[in-house]
Amino acid sequence: MTNVIEFDRKIDFKVLFTLPTGKVLQLNKTAEDDFDIEISGGNGVAYISANGKLIAESRLQRVFPSAEIIETTVL
């Protein structure tokens, strides 16, 4: 018998970002990147479940290497 309780440590984040204009965009999304992305006019929002703010931002940067992150907030 064990007395260890495991809690889910994932938090939902909303990451606002911009994409460069006048360039070809690189998109590296894989099956592991299971988050929603909305893009409109060079601006975007990603809804990412991660263990921390920096991890959420790095996951977005992995998908869009040229994206500039504006703000990351907890949902």
C-alpha atoms as a PDB file:
ATOM      1  CA  MET A   1       0.000   0.000   0.000  1.00  0.00           C
ATOM      2  CA  THR A   2       1.276   3.442  -0.855  1.00  0.00           C
ATOM      3  CA  ASN A   3       0.508   6.810   0.678  1.00  0.00           C
ATOM      4  CA  VAL A   4       1.645   8.857  -2.325  1.00  0.00           C
ATOM      5  CA  ILE A   5      -0.993  10.904  -4.099  1.00  0.00           C
ATOM      6  CA  GLU A   6      -0.135  12.156  -7.571  1.00  0.00           C
ATOM      7  CA  PHE A   7      -1.730  15.368  -8.801  1.00  0.00           C
ATOM      8  CA  ASP A   8      -1.933  16.516 -12.392  1.00  0.00           C
ATOM      9  CA  ARG A   9       0.446  19.471 -12.543  1.00  0.00           C
ATOM     10  CA  LYS A  10      -0.563  20.711 -15.982  1.00  0.00           C
ATOM     11  CA  ILE A  11      -1.925  24.236 -16.183  1.00  0.00           C
ATOM     12  CA  ASP A  12      -3.767  25.782 -19.134  1.00  0.00           C
ATOM     13  CA  PHE A  13      -2.057  28.830 -20.657  1.00  0.00           C
ATOM     14  CA  LYS A  14      -3.105  31.367 -23.258  1.00  0.00           C
ATOM     15  CA  VAL A  15      -0.084  32.490 -25.291  1.00  0.00           C
ATOM     16  CA  LEU A  16      -0.430  35.602 -27.473  1.00  0.00           C
ATOM     17  CA  PHE A  17       2.098  35.902 -30.292  1.00  0.00           C
ATOM     18  CA  THR A  18       2.864  37.653 -33.576  1.00  0.00           C
ATOM     19  CA  LEU A  19       4.294  36.213 -36.743  1.00  0.00           C
ATOM     20  CA  PRO A  20       6.707  38.081 -39.006  1.00  0.00           C
ATOM     21  CA  THR A  21       5.266  39.650 -42.149  1.00  0.00           C
ATOM     22  CA  GLY A  22       6.774  39.263 -45.588  1.00  0.00           C
ATOM     23  CA  LYS A  23       8.527  35.989 -44.750  1.00  0.00           C
ATOM     24  CA  VAL A  24       7.857  32.340 -45.410  1.00  0.00           C
ATOM     25  CA  LEU A  25       6.619  30.814 -42.149  1.00  0.00           C
ATOM     26  CA  GLN A  26       8.027  27.583 -40.823  1.00  0.00           C
ATOM     27  CA  LEU A  27       5.510  25.293 -39.099  1.00  0.00           C
ATOM     28  CA  ASN A  28       6.853  22.295 -37.147  1.00  0.00           C
ATOM     29  CA  LYS A  29       3.651  20.932 -35.588  1.00  0.00           C
ATOM     30  CA  THR A  30       3.697  17.239 -34.711  1.00  0.00           C
ATOM     31  CA  ALA A  31       1.328  14.865 -32.922  1.00  0.00           C
ATOM     32  CA  GLU A  32       2.961  15.810 -29.595  1.00  0.00           C
ATOM     33  CA  ASP A  33       1.899  19.427 -30.075  1.00  0.00           C
ATOM     34  CA  ASP A  34      -1.720  18.847 -29.123  1.00  0.00           C
ATOM     35  CA  PHE A  35      -2.808  22.439 -28.568  1.00  0.00           C
ATOM     36  CA  ASP A  36      -5.148  24.803 -30.372  1.00  0.00           C
ATOM     37  CA  ILE A  37      -3.834  27.673 -32.461  1.00  0.00           C
ATOM     38  CA  GLU A  38      -5.808  30.614 -33.863  1.00  0.00           C
ATOM     39  CA  ILE A  39      -4.107  32.946 -36.364  1.00  0.00           C
ATOM     40  CA  SER A  40      -5.581  36.105 -37.857  1.00  0.00           C
ATOM     41  CA  GLY A  41      -3.673  38.780 -39.749  1.00  0.00           C
ATOM     42  CA  GLY A  42      -0.230  37.897 -38.415  1.00  0.00           C
ATOM     43  CA  ASN A  43      -1.360  37.685 -34.782  1.00  0.00           C
ATOM     44  CA  GLY A  44      -2.102  34.454 -33.010  1.00  0.00           C
ATOM     45  CA  VAL A  45      -3.330  32.820 -29.849  1.00  0.00           C
ATOM     46  CA  ALA A  46      -2.330  29.366 -28.655  1.00  0.00           C
ATOM     47  CA  TYR A  47      -4.063  27.464 -25.868  1.00  0.00           C
ATOM     48  CA  ILE A  48      -1.448  25.187 -24.333  1.00  0.00           C
ATOM     49  CA  SER A  49      -1.580  22.817 -21.373  1.00  0.00           C
ATOM     50  CA  ALA A  50       1.880  22.625 -19.756  1.00  0.00           C
ATOM     51  CA  ASN A  51       3.702  22.335 -16.434  1.00  0.00           C
ATOM     52  CA  GLY A  52       4.788  25.964 -16.468  1.00  0.00           C
ATOM     53  CA  LYS A  53       4.837  29.254 -18.351  1.00  0.00           C
ATOM     54  CA  LEU A  54       8.288  28.747 -19.880  1.00  0.00           C
ATOM     55  CA  ILE A  55       7.402  25.257 -21.081  1.00  0.00           C
ATOM     56  CA  ALA A  56       4.227  26.571 -22.747  1.00  0.00           C
ATOM     57  CA  GLU A  57       6.250  29.293 -24.483  1.00  0.00           C
ATOM     58  CA  SER A  58       8.940  26.847 -25.612  1.00  0.00           C
ATOM     59  CA  ARG A  59       6.314  24.512 -27.070  1.00  0.00           C
ATOM     60  CA  LEU A  60       4.941  27.395 -29.143  1.00  0.00           C
ATOM     61  CA  GLN A  61       8.465  28.416 -30.218  1.00  0.00           C
ATOM     62  CA  ARG A  62       9.105  24.832 -31.332  1.00  0.00           C
ATOM     63  CA  VAL A  63       6.051  24.967 -33.620  1.00  0.00           C
ATOM     64  CA  PHE A  64       6.635  28.551 -34.852  1.00  0.00           C
ATOM     65  CA  PRO A  65      10.377  29.307 -34.471  1.00  0.00           C
ATOM     66  CA  SER A  66       9.982  32.854 -35.844  1.00  0.00           C
ATOM     67  CA  ALA A  67       7.053  33.806 -33.582  1.00  0.00           C
ATOM     68  CA  GLU A  68       7.442  36.659 -31.113  1.00  0.00           C
ATOM     69  CA  ILE A  69       5.638  35.940 -27.853  1.00  0.00           C
ATOM     70  CA  ILE A  70       3.722  38.930 -26.536  1.00  0.00           C
ATOM     71  CA  GLU A  71       2.096  37.591 -23.372  1.00  0.00           C
ATOM     72  CA  THR A  72       1.444  34.309 -21.574  1.00  0.00           C
ATOM     73  CA  THR A  73      -1.386  34.084 -19.052  1.00  0.00           C
ATOM     74  CA  VAL A  74      -2.931  31.323 -16.975  1.00  0.00           C
ATOM     75  CA  LEU A  75      -6.496  30.413 -17.900  1.00  0.00           C
END
